[in-house]
Amino acid sequence: KFFGGDRGAQAKIARELQISTAAVAKWPKDGDVPGSSL
């Protein structure tokens, strides 16, 4: 939601963290962001 909540939010997060969008997509939707990424 912080990154806009739209379909491109995961891509924005991935770009900022310099990781793949697929890695962000694996984060549990109702769970916590992994510690190193957080």
PDB file of all heavy atoms in Angstrom:
ATOM      1  N   LYS A   1       0.832  -1.212   0.000  1.00  0.00           N
ATOM      2  CA  LYS A   1       0.000   0.000   0.000  1.00  0.00           C
ATOM      3  C   LYS A   1       0.863   1.257   0.000  1.00  0.00           C
ATOM      4  O   LYS A   1       0.550   2.236  -0.658  1.00  0.00           O
ATOM      5  CB  LYS A   1      -0.939   0.009   1.206  1.00  0.00           C
ATOM      6  CG  LYS A   1      -2.075  -0.972   1.093  1.00  0.00           C
ATOM      7  CD  LYS A   1      -2.934  -0.946   2.337  1.00  0.00           C
ATOM      8  CE  LYS A   1      -3.983  -2.028   2.292  1.00  0.00           C
ATOM      9  NZ  LYS A   1      -4.760  -2.112   3.536  1.00  0.00           N
ATOM     10  N   PHE A   2       1.970   1.230   0.731  1.00  0.00           N
ATOM     11  CA  PHE A   2       2.881   2.367   0.776  1.00  0.00           C
ATOM     12  C   PHE A   2       3.416   2.693  -0.621  1.00  0.00           C
ATOM     13  O   PHE A   2       3.606   3.847  -0.969  1.00  0.00           O
ATOM     14  CB  PHE A   2       4.041   2.062   1.733  1.00  0.00           C
ATOM     15  CG  PHE A   2       5.059   3.156   1.828  1.00  0.00           C
ATOM     16  CD1 PHE A   2       4.831   4.257   2.642  1.00  0.00           C
ATOM     17  CD2 PHE A   2       6.246   3.098   1.117  1.00  0.00           C
ATOM     18  CE1 PHE A   2       5.776   5.285   2.736  1.00  0.00           C
ATOM     19  CE2 PHE A   2       7.193   4.107   1.201  1.00  0.00           C
ATOM     20  CZ  PHE A   2       6.953   5.204   2.015  1.00  0.00           C
ATOM     21  N   PHE A   3       3.638   1.666  -1.414  1.00  0.00           N
ATOM     22  CA  PHE A   3       4.149   1.850  -2.769  1.00  0.00           C
ATOM     23  C   PHE A   3       3.036   2.005  -3.800  1.00  0.00           C
ATOM     24  O   PHE A   3       3.266   1.832  -4.987  1.00  0.00           O
ATOM     25  CB  PHE A   3       5.080   0.698  -3.153  1.00  0.00           C
ATOM     26  CG  PHE A   3       6.462   0.854  -2.582  1.00  0.00           C
ATOM     27  CD1 PHE A   3       6.773   0.330  -1.336  1.00  0.00           C
ATOM     28  CD2 PHE A   3       7.445   1.542  -3.267  1.00  0.00           C
ATOM     29  CE1 PHE A   3       8.037   0.484  -0.802  1.00  0.00           C
ATOM     30  CE2 PHE A   3       8.718   1.697  -2.743  1.00  0.00           C
ATOM     31  CZ  PHE A   3       9.013   1.173  -1.498  1.00  0.00           C
ATOM     32  N   GLY A   4       1.863   2.327  -3.359  1.00  0.00           N
ATOM     33  CA  GLY A   4       0.778   2.630  -4.284  1.00  0.00           C
ATOM     34  C   GLY A   4      -0.316   1.591  -4.341  1.00  0.00           C
ATOM     35  O   GLY A   4      -1.412   1.870  -4.801  1.00  0.00           O
ATOM     36  N   GLY A   5      -0.035   0.381  -3.915  1.00  0.00           N
ATOM     37  CA  GLY A   5      -1.053  -0.652  -3.849  1.00  0.00           C
ATOM     38  C   GLY A   5      -1.547  -1.170  -5.188  1.00  0.00           C
ATOM     39  O   GLY A   5      -2.395  -2.039  -5.241  1.00  0.00           O
ATOM     40  N   ASP A   6      -1.022  -0.650  -6.276  1.00  0.00           N
ATOM     41  CA  ASP A   6      -1.489  -1.087  -7.588  1.00  0.00           C
ATOM     42  C   ASP A   6      -0.682  -2.301  -8.059  1.00  0.00           C
ATOM     43  O   ASP A   6       0.159  -2.824  -7.339  1.00  0.00           O
ATOM     44  CB  ASP A   6      -1.406   0.051  -8.601  1.00  0.00           C
ATOM     45  CG  ASP A   6       0.006   0.626  -8.720  1.00  0.00           C
ATOM     46  OD1 ASP A   6       0.913   0.144  -8.015  1.00  0.00           O
ATOM     47  OD2 ASP A   6       0.201   1.559  -9.511  1.00  0.00           O
ATOM     48  N   ARG A   7      -0.947  -2.707  -9.269  1.00  0.00           N
ATOM     49  CA  ARG A   7      -0.272  -3.895  -9.803  1.00  0.00           C
ATOM     50  C   ARG A   7       1.233  -3.703  -9.909  1.00  0.00           C
ATOM     51  O   ARG A   7       1.987  -4.659  -9.888  1.00  0.00           O
ATOM     52  CB  ARG A   7      -0.856  -4.239 -11.171  1.00  0.00           C
ATOM     53  CG  ARG A   7      -2.330  -4.546 -11.094  1.00  0.00           C
ATOM     54  CD  ARG A   7      -2.879  -4.962 -12.417  1.00  0.00           C
ATOM     55  NE  ARG A   7      -2.707  -6.401 -12.514  1.00  0.00           N
ATOM     56  CZ  ARG A   7      -2.653  -7.059 -13.643  1.00  0.00           C
ATOM     57  NH1 ARG A   7      -2.744  -6.415 -14.786  1.00  0.00           N
ATOM     58  NH2 ARG A   7      -2.509  -8.371 -13.650  1.00  0.00           N
ATOM     59  N   GLY A   8       1.687  -2.485 -10.034  1.00  0.00           N
ATOM     60  CA  GLY A   8       3.113  -2.232 -10.176  1.00  0.00           C
ATOM     61  C   GLY A   8       3.857  -2.064  -8.866  1.00  0.00           C
ATOM     62  O   GLY A   8       5.068  -1.846  -8.860  1.00  0.00           O
ATOM     63  N   ALA A   9       3.153  -2.171  -7.746  1.00  0.00           N
ATOM     64  CA  ALA A   9       3.788  -1.937  -6.447  1.00  0.00           C
ATOM     65  C   ALA A   9       4.916  -2.931  -6.177  1.00  0.00           C
ATOM     66  O   ALA A   9       5.984  -2.546  -5.698  1.00  0.00           O
ATOM     67  CB  ALA A   9       2.757  -1.993  -5.325  1.00  0.00           C
ATOM     68  N   GLN A  10       4.695  -4.208  -6.497  1.00  0.00           N
ATOM     69  CA  GLN A  10       5.744  -5.195  -6.262  1.00  0.00           C
ATOM     70  C   GLN A  10       6.977  -4.894  -7.099  1.00  0.00           C
ATOM     71  O   GLN A  10       8.106  -5.051  -6.632  1.00  0.00           O
ATOM     72  CB  GLN A  10       5.230  -6.603  -6.551  1.00  0.00           C
ATOM     73  CG  GLN A  10       4.252  -7.098  -5.514  1.00  0.00           C
ATOM     74  CD  GLN A  10       3.781  -8.511  -5.796  1.00  0.00           C
ATOM     75  OE1 GLN A  10       3.911  -9.019  -6.897  1.00  0.00           O
ATOM     76  NE2 GLN A  10       3.218  -9.142  -4.783  1.00  0.00           N
ATOM     77  N   ALA A  11       6.778  -4.439  -8.327  1.00  0.00           N
ATOM     78  CA  ALA A  11       7.914  -4.089  -9.186  1.00  0.00           C
ATOM     79  C   ALA A  11       8.662  -2.890  -8.614  1.00  0.00           C
ATOM     80  O   ALA A  11       9.901  -2.845  -8.645  1.00  0.00           O
ATOM     81  CB  ALA A  11       7.435  -3.801 -10.601  1.00  0.00           C
ATOM     82  N   LYS A  12       7.931  -1.915  -8.082  1.00  0.00           N
ATOM     83  CA  LYS A  12       8.566  -0.741  -7.478  1.00  0.00           C
ATOM     84  C   LYS A  12       9.405  -1.158  -6.274  1.00  0.00           C
ATOM     85  O   LYS A  12      10.536  -0.695  -6.096  1.00  0.00           O
ATOM     86  CB  LYS A  12       7.510   0.268  -7.040  1.00  0.00           C
ATOM     87  CG  LYS A  12       6.783   0.944  -8.180  1.00  0.00           C
ATOM     88  CD  LYS A  12       5.678   1.832  -7.639  1.00  0.00           C
ATOM     89  CE  LYS A  12       4.761   2.331  -8.733  1.00  0.00           C
ATOM     90  NZ  LYS A  12       3.611   3.069  -8.193  1.00  0.00           N
ATOM     91  N   ILE A  13       8.834  -2.024  -5.448  1.00  0.00           N
ATOM     92  CA  ILE A  13       9.561  -2.510  -4.263  1.00  0.00           C
ATOM     93  C   ILE A  13      10.825  -3.246  -4.697  1.00  0.00           C
ATOM     94  O   ILE A  13      11.916  -3.021  -4.152  1.00  0.00           O
ATOM     95  CB  ILE A  13       8.659  -3.423  -3.409  1.00  0.00           C
ATOM     96  CG1 ILE A  13       7.475  -2.635  -2.852  1.00  0.00           C
ATOM     97  CG2 ILE A  13       9.447  -4.090  -2.292  1.00  0.00           C
ATOM     98  CD1 ILE A  13       6.355  -3.498  -2.299  1.00  0.00           C
ATOM     99  N   ALA A  14      10.684  -4.115  -5.687  1.00  0.00           N
ATOM    100  CA  ALA A  14      11.831  -4.890  -6.178  1.00  0.00           C
ATOM    101  C   ALA A  14      12.930  -3.971  -6.702  1.00  0.00           C
ATOM    102  O   ALA A  14      14.112  -4.198  -6.424  1.00  0.00           O
ATOM    103  CB  ALA A  14      11.367  -5.859  -7.264  1.00  0.00           C
ATOM    104  N   ARG A  15      12.543  -2.941  -7.448  1.00  0.00           N
ATOM    105  CA  ARG A  15      13.551  -1.990  -7.962  1.00  0.00           C
ATOM    106  C   ARG A  15      14.281  -1.296  -6.822  1.00  0.00           C
ATOM    107  O   ARG A  15      15.502  -1.138  -6.849  1.00  0.00           O
ATOM    108  CB  ARG A  15      12.892  -0.954  -8.866  1.00  0.00           C
ATOM    109  CG  ARG A  15      12.748  -1.389 -10.295  1.00  0.00           C
ATOM    110  CD  ARG A  15      12.392  -0.234 -11.220  1.00  0.00           C
ATOM    111  NE  ARG A  15      11.161   0.455 -10.849  1.00  0.00           N
ATOM    112  CZ  ARG A  15       9.937   0.078 -11.209  1.00  0.00           C
ATOM    113  NH1 ARG A  15       9.778  -0.990 -11.959  1.00  0.00           N
ATOM    114  NH2 ARG A  15       8.875   0.769 -10.829  1.00  0.00           N
ATOM    115  N   GLU A  16      13.532  -0.864  -5.825  1.00  0.00           N
ATOM    116  CA  GLU A  16      14.153  -0.164  -4.689  1.00  0.00           C
ATOM    117  C   GLU A  16      15.106  -1.064  -3.919  1.00  0.00           C
ATOM    118  O   GLU A  16      16.138  -0.607  -3.425  1.00  0.00           O
ATOM    119  CB  GLU A  16      13.082   0.389  -3.744  1.00  0.00           C
ATOM    120  CG  GLU A  16      12.288   1.534  -4.319  1.00  0.00           C
ATOM    121  CD  GLU A  16      13.126   2.773  -4.615  1.00  0.00           C
ATOM    122  OE1 GLU A  16      14.196   2.963  -4.001  1.00  0.00           O
ATOM    123  OE2 GLU A  16      12.703   3.559  -5.476  1.00  0.00           O
ATOM    124  N   LEU A  17      14.758  -2.344  -3.809  1.00  0.00           N
ATOM    125  CA  LEU A  17      15.602  -3.280  -3.063  1.00  0.00           C
ATOM    126  C   LEU A  17      16.641  -3.965  -3.939  1.00  0.00           C
ATOM    127  O   LEU A  17      17.471  -4.716  -3.433  1.00  0.00           O
ATOM    128  CB  LEU A  17      14.722  -4.343  -2.392  1.00  0.00           C
ATOM    129  CG  LEU A  17      13.779  -3.846  -1.306  1.00  0.00           C
ATOM    130  CD1 LEU A  17      12.894  -4.980  -0.807  1.00  0.00           C
ATOM    131  CD2 LEU A  17      14.563  -3.242  -0.151  1.00  0.00           C
ATOM    132  N   GLN A  18      16.560  -3.711  -5.240  1.00  0.00           N
ATOM    133  CA  GLN A  18      17.455  -4.345  -6.211  1.00  0.00           C
ATOM    134  C   GLN A  18      17.390  -5.867  -6.129  1.00  0.00           C
ATOM    135  O   GLN A  18      18.399  -6.562  -6.089  1.00  0.00           O
ATOM    136  CB  GLN A  18      18.882  -3.827  -6.053  1.00  0.00           C
ATOM    137  CG  GLN A  18      18.989  -2.342  -6.297  1.00  0.00           C
ATOM    138  CD  GLN A  18      20.390  -1.804  -6.106  1.00  0.00           C
ATOM    139  OE1 GLN A  18      21.266  -2.457  -5.548  1.00  0.00           O
ATOM    140  NE2 GLN A  18      20.616  -0.595  -6.581  1.00  0.00           N
ATOM    141  N   ILE A  19      16.144  -6.364  -6.069  1.00  0.00           N
ATOM    142  CA  ILE A  19      15.882  -7.797  -6.086  1.00  0.00           C
ATOM    143  C   ILE A  19      14.851  -8.055  -7.179  1.00  0.00           C
ATOM    144  O   ILE A  19      14.288  -7.126  -7.753  1.00  0.00           O
ATOM    145  CB  ILE A  19      15.384  -8.328  -4.719  1.00  0.00           C
ATOM    146  CG1 ILE A  19      14.071  -7.654  -4.306  1.00  0.00           C
ATOM    147  CG2 ILE A  19      16.447  -8.125  -3.644  1.00  0.00           C
ATOM    148  CD1 ILE A  19      13.471  -8.212  -3.020  1.00  0.00           C
ATOM    149  N   SER A  20      14.578  -9.310  -7.444  1.00  0.00           N
ATOM    150  CA  SER A  20      13.623  -9.632  -8.502  1.00  0.00           C
ATOM    151  C   SER A  20      12.185  -9.434  -8.020  1.00  0.00           C
ATOM    152  O   SER A  20      11.888  -9.567  -6.825  1.00  0.00           O
ATOM    153  CB  SER A  20      13.805 -11.079  -8.968  1.00  0.00           C
ATOM    154  OG  SER A  20      13.368 -11.972  -7.965  1.00  0.00           O
ATOM    155  N   THR A  21      11.322  -9.131  -8.963  1.00  0.00           N
ATOM    156  CA  THR A  21       9.898  -9.010  -8.643  1.00  0.00           C
ATOM    157  C   THR A  21       9.365 -10.347  -8.140  1.00  0.00           C
ATOM    158  O   THR A  21       8.499 -10.393  -7.265  1.00  0.00           O
ATOM    159  CB  THR A  21       9.113  -8.544  -9.891  1.00  0.00           C
ATOM    160  OG1 THR A  21       9.690  -7.319 -10.352  1.00  0.00           O
ATOM    161  CG2 THR A  21       7.656  -8.302  -9.580  1.00  0.00           C
ATOM    162  N   ALA A  22       9.908 -11.433  -8.678  1.00  0.00           N
ATOM    163  CA  ALA A  22       9.482 -12.766  -8.235  1.00  0.00           C
ATOM    164  C   ALA A  22       9.776 -12.970  -6.748  1.00  0.00           C
ATOM    165  O   ALA A  22       8.986 -13.602  -6.034  1.00  0.00           O
ATOM    166  CB  ALA A  22      10.172 -13.842  -9.064  1.00  0.00           C
ATOM    167  N   ALA A  23      10.889 -12.426  -6.282  1.00  0.00           N
ATOM    168  CA  ALA A  23      11.222 -12.550  -4.858  1.00  0.00           C
ATOM    169  C   ALA A  23      10.198 -11.811  -4.003  1.00  0.00           C
ATOM    170  O   ALA A  23       9.761 -12.322  -2.970  1.00  0.00           O
ATOM    171  CB  ALA A  23      12.621 -12.011  -4.594  1.00  0.00           C
ATOM    172  N   VAL A  24       9.805 -10.624  -4.439  1.00  0.00           N
ATOM    173  CA  VAL A  24       8.802  -9.858  -3.695  1.00  0.00           C
ATOM    174  C   VAL A  24       7.459 -10.583  -3.738  1.00  0.00           C
ATOM    175  O   VAL A  24       6.733 -10.624  -2.745  1.00  0.00           O
ATOM    176  CB  VAL A  24       8.672  -8.422  -4.255  1.00  0.00           C
ATOM    177  CG1 VAL A  24       7.561  -7.653  -3.554  1.00  0.00           C
ATOM    178  CG2 VAL A  24       9.994  -7.679  -4.114  1.00  0.00           C
ATOM    179  N   ALA A  25       7.138 -11.182  -4.873  1.00  0.00           N
ATOM    180  CA  ALA A  25       5.867 -11.900  -5.018  1.00  0.00           C
ATOM    181  C   ALA A  25       5.772 -13.094  -4.069  1.00  0.00           C
ATOM    182  O   ALA A  25       4.669 -13.521  -3.728  1.00  0.00           O
ATOM    183  CB  ALA A  25       5.699 -12.363  -6.462  1.00  0.00           C
ATOM    184  N   LYS A  26       6.908 -13.610  -3.626  1.00  0.00           N
ATOM    185  CA  LYS A  26       6.911 -14.751  -2.699  1.00  0.00           C
ATOM    186  C   LYS A  26       6.668 -14.340  -1.248  1.00  0.00           C
ATOM    187  O   LYS A  26       6.448 -15.190  -0.390  1.00  0.00           O
ATOM    188  CB  LYS A  26       8.234 -15.518  -2.795  1.00  0.00           C
ATOM    189  CG  LYS A  26       8.394 -16.252  -4.103  1.00  0.00           C
ATOM    190  CD  LYS A  26       9.721 -16.985  -4.147  1.00  0.00           C
ATOM    191  CE  LYS A  26       9.910 -17.672  -5.485  1.00  0.00           C
ATOM    192  NZ  LYS A  26      11.210 -18.346  -5.555  1.00  0.00           N
ATOM    193  N   TRP A  27       6.729 -13.036  -0.960  1.00  0.00           N
ATOM    194  CA  TRP A  27       6.457 -12.596   0.402  1.00  0.00           C
ATOM    195  C   TRP A  27       5.021 -12.971   0.759  1.00  0.00           C
ATOM    196  O   TRP A  27       4.119 -12.815  -0.070  1.00  0.00           O
ATOM    197  CB  TRP A  27       6.614 -11.090   0.535  1.00  0.00           C
ATOM    198  CG  TRP A  27       7.997 -10.554   0.366  1.00  0.00           C
ATOM    199  CD1 TRP A  27       9.153 -11.250   0.184  1.00  0.00           C
ATOM    200  CD2 TRP A  27       8.368  -9.176   0.352  1.00  0.00           C
ATOM    201  NE1 TRP A  27      10.214 -10.397   0.062  1.00  0.00           N
ATOM    202  CE2 TRP A  27       9.761  -9.117   0.161  1.00  0.00           C
ATOM    203  CE3 TRP A  27       7.656  -7.992   0.479  1.00  0.00           C
ATOM    204  CZ2 TRP A  27      10.451  -7.919   0.114  1.00  0.00           C
ATOM    205  CZ3 TRP A  27       8.340  -6.795   0.425  1.00  0.00           C
ATOM    206  CH2 TRP A  27       9.724  -6.758   0.245  1.00  0.00           C
ATOM    207  N   PRO A  28       4.797 -13.453   1.971  1.00  0.00           N
ATOM    208  CA  PRO A  28       3.421 -13.812   2.354  1.00  0.00           C
ATOM    209  C   PRO A  28       2.535 -12.566   2.413  1.00  0.00           C
ATOM    210  O   PRO A  28       2.882 -11.579   3.051  1.00  0.00           O
ATOM    211  CB  PRO A  28       3.583 -14.441   3.736  1.00  0.00           C
ATOM    212  CG  PRO A  28       4.889 -13.927   4.242  1.00  0.00           C
ATOM    213  CD  PRO A  28       5.745 -13.658   3.042  1.00  0.00           C
ATOM    214  N   LYS A  29       1.416 -12.604   1.707  1.00  0.00           N
ATOM    215  CA  LYS A  29       0.536 -11.428   1.624  1.00  0.00           C
ATOM    216  C   LYS A  29       0.047 -10.981   2.998  1.00  0.00           C
ATOM    217  O   LYS A  29      -0.031  -9.805   3.283  1.00  0.00           O
ATOM    218  CB  LYS A  29      -0.683 -11.731   0.742  1.00  0.00           C
ATOM    219  CG  LYS A  29      -0.330 -11.938  -0.696  1.00  0.00           C
ATOM    220  CD  LYS A  29       0.014 -10.630  -1.353  1.00  0.00           C
ATOM    221  CE  LYS A  29       0.269 -10.825  -2.824  1.00  0.00           C
ATOM    222  NZ  LYS A  29       1.567 -10.416  -3.261  1.00  0.00           N
ATOM    223  N   ASP A  30      -0.306 -11.928   3.852  1.00  0.00           N
ATOM    224  CA  ASP A  30      -0.818 -11.571   5.174  1.00  0.00           C
ATOM    225  C   ASP A  30       0.236 -11.752   6.262  1.00  0.00           C
ATOM    226  O   ASP A  30      -0.065 -11.720   7.445  1.00  0.00           O
ATOM    227  CB  ASP A  30      -2.068 -12.378   5.505  1.00  0.00           C
ATOM    228  CG  ASP A  30      -1.817 -13.883   5.468  1.00  0.00           C
ATOM    229  OD1 ASP A  30      -0.751 -14.300   4.975  1.00  0.00           O
ATOM    230  OD2 ASP A  30      -2.679 -14.636   5.933  1.00  0.00           O
ATOM    231  N   GLY A  31       1.486 -11.915   5.827  1.00  0.00           N
ATOM    232  CA  GLY A  31       2.571 -12.109   6.783  1.00  0.00           C
ATOM    233  C   GLY A  31       3.508 -10.921   6.820  1.00  0.00           C
ATOM    234  O   GLY A  31       3.208  -9.844   6.295  1.00  0.00           O
ATOM    235  N   ASP A  32       4.643 -11.134   7.437  1.00  0.00           N
ATOM    236  CA  ASP A  32       5.624 -10.065   7.609  1.00  0.00           C
ATOM    237  C   ASP A  32       6.622 -10.043   6.460  1.00  0.00           C
ATOM    238  O   ASP A  32       6.952 -11.075   5.877  1.00  0.00           O
ATOM    239  CB  ASP A  32       6.384 -10.261   8.923  1.00  0.00           C
ATOM    240  CG  ASP A  32       5.493 -10.087  10.134  1.00  0.00           C
ATOM    241  OD1 ASP A  32       4.549  -9.282  10.059  1.00  0.00           O
ATOM    242  OD2 ASP A  32       5.733 -10.757  11.149  1.00  0.00           O
ATOM    243  N   VAL A  33       7.112  -8.849   6.174  1.00  0.00           N
ATOM    244  CA  VAL A  33       8.183  -8.672   5.192  1.00  0.00           C
ATOM    245  C   VAL A  33       9.440  -9.313   5.781  1.00  0.00           C
ATOM    246  O   VAL A  33       9.724  -9.140   6.973  1.00  0.00           O
ATOM    247  CB  VAL A  33       8.427  -7.165   4.921  1.00  0.00           C
ATOM    248  CG1 VAL A  33       9.636  -6.951   4.035  1.00  0.00           C
ATOM    249  CG2 VAL A  33       7.186  -6.525   4.322  1.00  0.00           C
ATOM    250  N   PRO A  34      10.197 -10.074   4.987  1.00  0.00           N
ATOM    251  CA  PRO A  34      11.437 -10.667   5.497  1.00  0.00           C
ATOM    252  C   PRO A  34      12.362  -9.599   6.100  1.00  0.00           C
ATOM    253  O   PRO A  34      12.455  -8.478   5.585  1.00  0.00           O
ATOM    254  CB  PRO A  34      12.065 -11.296   4.255  1.00  0.00           C
ATOM    255  CG  PRO A  34      10.913 -11.548   3.337  1.00  0.00           C
ATOM    256  CD  PRO A  34       9.946 -10.426   3.591  1.00  0.00           C
ATOM    257  N   GLY A  35      13.024  -9.962   7.170  1.00  0.00           N
ATOM    258  CA  GLY A  35      13.836  -9.022   7.943  1.00  0.00           C
ATOM    259  C   GLY A  35      14.862  -8.230   7.166  1.00  0.00           C
ATOM    260  O   GLY A  35      14.975  -7.019   7.325  1.00  0.00           O
ATOM    261  N   SER A  36      15.635  -8.891   6.297  1.00  0.00           N
ATOM    262  CA  SER A  36      16.679  -8.166   5.568  1.00  0.00           C
ATOM    263  C   SER A  36      16.065  -7.152   4.607  1.00  0.00           C
ATOM    264  O   SER A  36      16.578  -6.045   4.456  1.00  0.00           O
ATOM    265  CB  SER A  36      17.575  -9.145   4.808  1.00  0.00           C
ATOM    266  OG  SER A  36      16.803  -9.904   3.888  1.00  0.00           O
ATOM    267  N   SER A  37      14.964  -7.515   3.977  1.00  0.00           N
ATOM    268  CA  SER A  37      14.289  -6.579   3.071  1.00  0.00           C
ATOM    269  C   SER A  37      13.676  -5.425   3.852  1.00  0.00           C
ATOM    270  O   SER A  37      13.733  -4.273   3.421  1.00  0.00           O
ATOM    271  CB  SER A  37      13.199  -7.295   2.271  1.00  0.00           C
ATOM    272  OG  SER A  37      13.765  -8.257   1.411  1.00  0.00           O
ATOM    273  N   LEU A  38      13.114  -5.745   4.996  1.00  0.00           N
ATOM    274  CA  LEU A  38      12.489  -4.707   5.814  1.00  0.00           C
ATOM    275  C   LEU A  38      13.528  -3.696   6.284  1.00  0.00           C
ATOM    276  O   LEU A  38      13.303  -2.483   6.237  1.00  0.00           O
ATOM    277  CB  LEU A  38      11.764  -5.326   7.001  1.00  0.00           C
ATOM    278  CG  LEU A  38      10.932  -4.381   7.849  1.00  0.00           C
ATOM    279  CD1 LEU A  38       9.848  -3.702   7.002  1.00  0.00           C
ATOM    280  CD2 LEU A  38      10.302  -5.122   9.001  1.00  0.00           C
TER     281      LEU A  38
END
